[in-house]
């Protein structure tokens, strides 16, 4: 059973890889840093892992990753779109997109769509920050609106939820989830994250965040609740900004245009 995990060099991705490997999955670790990926692979208890590097700030690199995956694996049981970034400074990628919207939404969209029917189920790491998202499909990079790191992050996590809705509408067993506030290097430049980490017991270890990912990757809930946003191990009611099929379709079309 092949399970592909992006953002697997540390944190939630590495913890999910460890548990899925323990359960007998052959995991494919995807990330930017080969050395760190190799270290994660060496520590797995199950079948030998495969390691592939990819930089999500390049959509050509993402397409090349999809081609390598398609060449190697006839079937992929689980695609875990877990790679993500939060930045307090506005950066534009070589593809011309704001960094967070490309890494958190456009790149996993390209990867998932390119692999197509080869994938049995898709699990995407979203966030409760999606509830604060004010996504405008015609302005994904916030070029015409005020840019703020957390505003843009919320937009991209909203996009994760709407992409899940769009996949489900196309018959894909897709879910997304909130991992919690996790004690990793994520959003290290953010004052808000530093405050979260300073509160005793508030931030959880990566294994806590990986728990829902593994559940959706292995349990019937990952199929029976397709299109839903999960917090803990149960689907949650979310605002229309995260669940409206019409908005999901607008985002889908805008994303297709953005990625060419």
Protein backbone atom coordinates (compact mmCIF):
# COMPACT_ATOMS: atom_id res chain seq x y z
CA UNK A 1 0.00 0.00 0.00
CA UNK A 2 1.63 3.23 -1.18
CA UNK A 3 1.13 6.42 0.84
CA UNK A 4 2.69 9.66 -0.41
CA UNK A 5 3.28 12.34 2.23
CA UNK A 6 4.43 15.84 1.33
CA UNK A 7 6.19 17.96 3.93
CA UNK A 8 7.56 14.71 5.36
CA UNK A 9 11.00 15.85 6.52
CA UNK A 10 9.79 16.90 9.99
CA UNK A 11 6.77 17.66 12.13
CA UNK A 12 3.35 16.26 11.30
CA UNK A 13 4.51 14.70 8.03
CA UNK A 14 7.35 12.77 9.64
CA UNK A 15 5.13 11.65 12.53
CA UNK A 16 2.40 10.48 10.14
CA UNK A 17 4.98 8.61 8.07
CA UNK A 18 6.23 6.81 11.16
CA UNK A 19 2.74 5.64 12.14
CA UNK A 20 1.67 4.65 8.63
CA UNK A 21 4.92 2.75 8.17
CA UNK A 22 4.33 0.96 11.47
CA UNK A 23 0.93 -0.09 10.09
CA UNK A 24 2.55 -1.59 7.01
CA UNK A 25 2.23 1.23 4.48
CA UNK A 26 5.10 1.80 2.08
CA UNK A 27 5.51 5.53 2.52
CA UNK A 28 6.92 7.92 -0.03
CA UNK A 29 8.53 10.86 1.75
CA UNK A 30 8.43 14.16 -0.14
CA UNK A 31 10.22 17.34 0.90
CA UNK A 32 12.92 19.83 0.02
CA UNK A 33 15.76 18.57 2.22
CA UNK A 34 17.14 15.19 1.13
CA UNK A 35 19.27 14.76 4.24
CA UNK A 36 16.35 15.25 6.61
CA UNK A 37 14.12 12.99 4.51
CA UNK A 38 16.77 10.26 4.63
CA UNK A 39 16.93 10.59 8.42
CA UNK A 40 13.14 10.17 8.66
CA UNK A 41 13.28 7.17 6.32
CA UNK A 42 16.04 5.52 8.37
CA UNK A 43 13.89 5.70 11.50
CA UNK A 44 10.79 4.00 10.08
CA UNK A 45 9.80 0.62 11.47
CA UNK A 46 7.88 -0.74 8.46
CA UNK A 47 8.62 -1.30 4.77
CA UNK A 48 11.53 0.58 3.24
CA UNK A 49 10.49 4.11 2.39
CA UNK A 50 11.08 5.93 -0.87
CA UNK A 51 12.39 9.50 -0.82
CA UNK A 52 11.69 12.20 -3.40
CA UNK A 53 12.69 15.84 -3.23
CA UNK A 54 10.51 18.65 -4.51
CA UNK A 55 10.39 22.42 -4.08
CA UNK A 56 6.78 23.59 -4.05
CA UNK A 57 7.86 27.14 -4.91
CA UNK A 58 8.37 25.81 -8.46
CA UNK A 59 5.31 24.41 -10.21
CA UNK A 60 7.58 22.81 -12.79
CA UNK A 61 9.24 20.92 -9.93
CA UNK A 62 5.79 19.81 -8.72
CA UNK A 63 4.90 18.57 -12.20
CA UNK A 64 8.19 16.68 -12.34
CA UNK A 65 7.39 15.10 -8.96
CA UNK A 66 3.98 13.99 -10.24
CA UNK A 67 5.62 12.46 -13.30
CA UNK A 68 8.09 10.51 -11.14
CA UNK A 69 5.29 9.26 -8.90
CA UNK A 70 3.18 8.21 -11.90
CA UNK A 71 6.14 6.39 -13.40
CA UNK A 72 6.93 4.47 -10.21
CA UNK A 73 3.50 3.63 -8.79
CA UNK A 74 0.49 2.29 -10.63
CA UNK A 75 -1.72 2.94 -7.59
CA UNK A 76 -1.35 5.38 -4.70
CA UNK A 77 -3.57 4.50 -1.77
CA UNK A 78 -3.16 7.84 0.00
CA UNK A 79 -1.91 11.25 -1.09
CA UNK A 80 -1.34 13.38 2.01
CA UNK A 81 -1.07 17.02 0.97
CA UNK A 82 0.68 18.10 4.14
CA UNK A 83 3.40 20.53 3.01
CA UNK A 84 2.69 24.08 4.08
CA UNK A 85 4.23 27.39 4.98
CA UNK A 86 3.37 30.56 6.88
CA UNK A 87 5.42 33.70 6.25
CA UNK A 88 5.26 37.11 7.88
CA UNK A 89 6.88 38.69 4.80
CA UNK A 90 5.27 38.85 1.37
CA UNK A 91 7.28 36.86 -1.15
CA UNK A 92 6.52 36.11 -4.79
CA UNK A 93 7.67 32.84 -6.37
CA UNK A 94 9.38 32.45 -9.73
CA UNK A 95 5.95 31.42 -11.08
CA UNK A 96 4.61 34.86 -10.13
CA UNK A 97 2.38 33.78 -7.22
CA UNK A 98 2.46 34.83 -3.58
CA UNK A 99 4.48 32.23 -1.67
CA UNK A 100 1.80 30.87 0.66
CA UNK A 101 -0.92 30.49 -1.95
CA UNK A 102 1.50 28.60 -4.19
CA UNK A 103 2.94 26.24 -1.57
CA UNK A 104 -0.28 25.69 0.38
CA UNK A 105 -2.79 25.53 -2.46
CA UNK A 106 -1.56 25.76 -6.05
CA UNK A 107 1.20 23.15 -5.70
CA UNK A 108 -0.98 20.48 -4.04
CA UNK A 109 -3.70 21.22 -6.61
CA UNK A 110 -1.24 20.57 -9.45
CA UNK A 111 0.13 17.44 -7.79
CA UNK A 112 -3.30 15.98 -7.04
CA UNK A 113 -4.77 16.79 -10.44
CA UNK A 114 -1.77 15.50 -12.35
CA UNK A 115 -1.88 12.17 -10.52
CA UNK A 116 -5.64 12.01 -11.13
CA UNK A 117 -7.42 8.66 -10.82
CA UNK A 118 -4.20 6.93 -9.78
CA UNK A 119 -4.93 8.12 -6.19
CA UNK A 120 -7.52 6.33 -4.03
CA UNK A 121 -7.92 8.97 -1.32
CA UNK A 122 -6.62 12.46 -0.62
CA UNK A 123 -6.02 13.92 2.85
CA UNK A 124 -5.09 17.60 3.10
CA UNK A 125 -3.73 19.42 6.14
CA UNK A 126 -5.90 22.51 6.58
CA UNK A 127 -6.36 24.57 9.75
CA UNK A 128 -8.93 26.35 11.89
CA UNK A 129 -7.36 29.47 10.40
CA UNK A 130 -9.53 28.66 7.37
CA UNK A 131 -12.50 30.04 9.30
CA UNK A 132 -10.93 33.50 9.14
CA UNK A 133 -10.18 33.21 5.42
CA UNK A 134 -11.63 35.80 3.07
CA UNK A 135 -10.55 34.18 -0.17
CA UNK A 136 -11.18 36.01 -3.44
CA UNK A 137 -10.70 33.55 -6.32
CA UNK A 138 -9.94 36.47 -8.64
CA UNK A 139 -7.15 37.71 -6.35
CA UNK A 140 -5.43 34.62 -4.93
CA UNK A 141 -2.15 36.42 -4.26
CA UNK A 142 -3.85 39.44 -2.60
CA UNK A 143 -2.39 41.84 -5.13
CA UNK A 144 -5.43 44.12 -4.92
CA UNK A 145 -6.18 43.72 -1.22
CA UNK A 146 -4.31 44.38 2.01
CA UNK A 147 -1.69 41.71 2.55
CA UNK A 148 -0.92 40.33 5.98
CA UNK A 149 0.74 37.01 6.75
CA UNK A 150 -2.09 35.58 8.81
CA UNK A 151 -4.77 36.94 6.46
CA UNK A 152 -3.08 35.22 3.52
CA UNK A 153 -2.50 32.04 5.52
CA UNK A 154 -6.20 31.95 6.40
CA UNK A 155 -7.07 32.35 2.72
CA UNK A 156 -4.84 29.40 1.77
CA UNK A 157 -6.28 27.16 4.46
CA UNK A 158 -9.78 28.11 3.28
CA UNK A 159 -8.60 27.12 -0.18
CA UNK A 160 -7.59 23.70 1.21
CA UNK A 161 -11.13 23.16 2.48
CA UNK A 162 -12.73 24.33 -0.77
CA UNK A 163 -10.34 22.19 -2.85
CA UNK A 164 -11.52 19.23 -0.77
CA UNK A 165 -15.14 20.13 -1.60
CA UNK A 166 -14.22 20.39 -5.28
CA UNK A 167 -12.48 17.02 -5.27
CA UNK A 168 -15.45 15.34 -3.58
CA UNK A 169 -17.78 16.84 -6.20
CA UNK A 170 -15.66 15.01 -8.77
CA UNK A 171 -15.98 11.69 -6.97
CA UNK A 172 -12.67 11.75 -5.10
CA UNK A 173 -12.48 10.42 -1.52
CA UNK A 174 -11.01 13.65 -0.19
CA UNK A 175 -10.98 15.07 3.32
CA UNK A 176 -9.11 17.84 5.11
CA UNK A 177 -8.39 18.41 8.79
CA UNK A 178 -7.15 20.73 11.52
CA UNK A 179 -4.03 19.30 13.20
CA UNK A 180 -4.01 21.64 16.19
CA UNK A 181 -1.27 24.00 17.30
CA UNK A 182 1.83 21.87 16.98
CA UNK A 183 5.26 22.38 18.52
CA UNK A 184 7.43 22.51 15.39
CA UNK A 185 9.39 25.15 13.50
CA UNK A 186 6.22 26.22 11.67
CA UNK A 187 5.64 30.01 11.49
CA UNK A 188 8.78 30.60 13.53
CA UNK A 189 8.86 34.27 12.54
CA UNK A 190 5.37 34.95 13.87
CA UNK A 191 4.83 36.64 17.23
CA UNK A 192 1.45 34.92 17.54
CA UNK A 193 3.04 31.48 17.17
CA UNK A 194 5.71 32.34 19.71
CA UNK A 195 2.95 33.29 22.15
CA UNK A 196 1.15 29.99 21.51
CA UNK A 197 4.35 28.06 22.15
CA UNK A 198 4.96 29.97 25.39
CA UNK A 199 1.66 28.81 26.96
CA UNK A 200 2.40 25.60 28.90
CA UNK A 201 0.59 22.60 27.40
CA UNK A 202 -1.12 24.56 24.61
CA UNK A 203 1.05 23.45 21.71
CA UNK A 204 1.04 19.70 21.12
CA UNK A 205 3.75 17.36 19.79
CA UNK A 206 3.78 16.42 16.09
CA UNK A 207 2.30 12.99 16.89
CA UNK A 208 -0.87 14.73 18.05
CA UNK A 209 -1.20 16.57 14.76
CA UNK A 210 -0.50 13.41 12.77
CA UNK A 211 -3.23 11.44 14.53
CA UNK A 212 -6.10 12.76 12.40
CA UNK A 213 -4.11 12.48 9.18
CA UNK A 214 -3.43 8.80 9.91
CA UNK A 215 -7.07 8.23 10.87
CA UNK A 216 -8.36 9.69 7.61
CA UNK A 217 -5.73 7.76 5.64
CA UNK A 218 -6.63 4.39 7.15
CA UNK A 219 -10.22 4.51 8.45
CA UNK A 220 -13.50 4.38 6.56
CA UNK A 221 -14.10 7.96 7.72
CA UNK A 222 -11.63 9.06 5.04
CA UNK A 223 -14.06 7.74 2.43
CA UNK A 224 -17.47 8.13 4.07
CA UNK A 225 -16.90 11.80 4.97
CA UNK A 226 -15.49 12.90 1.63
CA UNK A 227 -15.56 16.63 1.11
CA UNK A 228 -15.64 17.30 4.84
CA UNK A 229 -13.43 19.21 7.24
CA UNK A 230 -12.38 17.14 10.24
CA UNK A 231 -11.26 18.37 13.66
CA UNK A 232 -10.19 15.67 16.08
CA UNK A 233 -11.61 12.57 14.45
CA UNK A 234 -15.06 13.92 13.59
CA UNK A 235 -16.34 16.07 10.74
CA UNK A 236 -17.29 19.58 11.84
CA UNK A 237 -19.78 22.08 10.55
CA UNK A 238 -17.95 24.96 8.92
CA UNK A 239 -19.01 28.31 7.43
CA UNK A 240 -20.01 28.61 3.78
CA UNK A 241 -16.62 30.16 3.06
CA UNK A 242 -15.18 26.65 3.59
CA UNK A 243 -17.99 24.51 2.22
CA UNK A 244 -20.01 26.32 -0.47
CA UNK A 245 -19.92 24.23 -3.70
CA UNK A 246 -20.33 27.32 -5.89
CA UNK A 247 -17.37 29.04 -4.24
CA UNK A 248 -15.38 25.82 -4.54
CA UNK A 249 -16.06 25.79 -8.28
CA UNK A 250 -15.02 29.42 -8.63
CA UNK A 251 -11.78 28.60 -6.86
CA UNK A 252 -11.27 25.52 -9.05
CA UNK A 253 -11.58 27.53 -12.25
CA UNK A 254 -9.38 30.34 -10.92
CA UNK A 255 -6.74 27.80 -9.86
CA UNK A 256 -6.75 26.13 -13.28
CA UNK A 257 -6.15 29.55 -14.82
CA UNK A 258 -3.42 30.41 -12.31
CA UNK A 259 -1.44 27.21 -12.89
CA UNK A 260 -1.88 27.24 -16.66
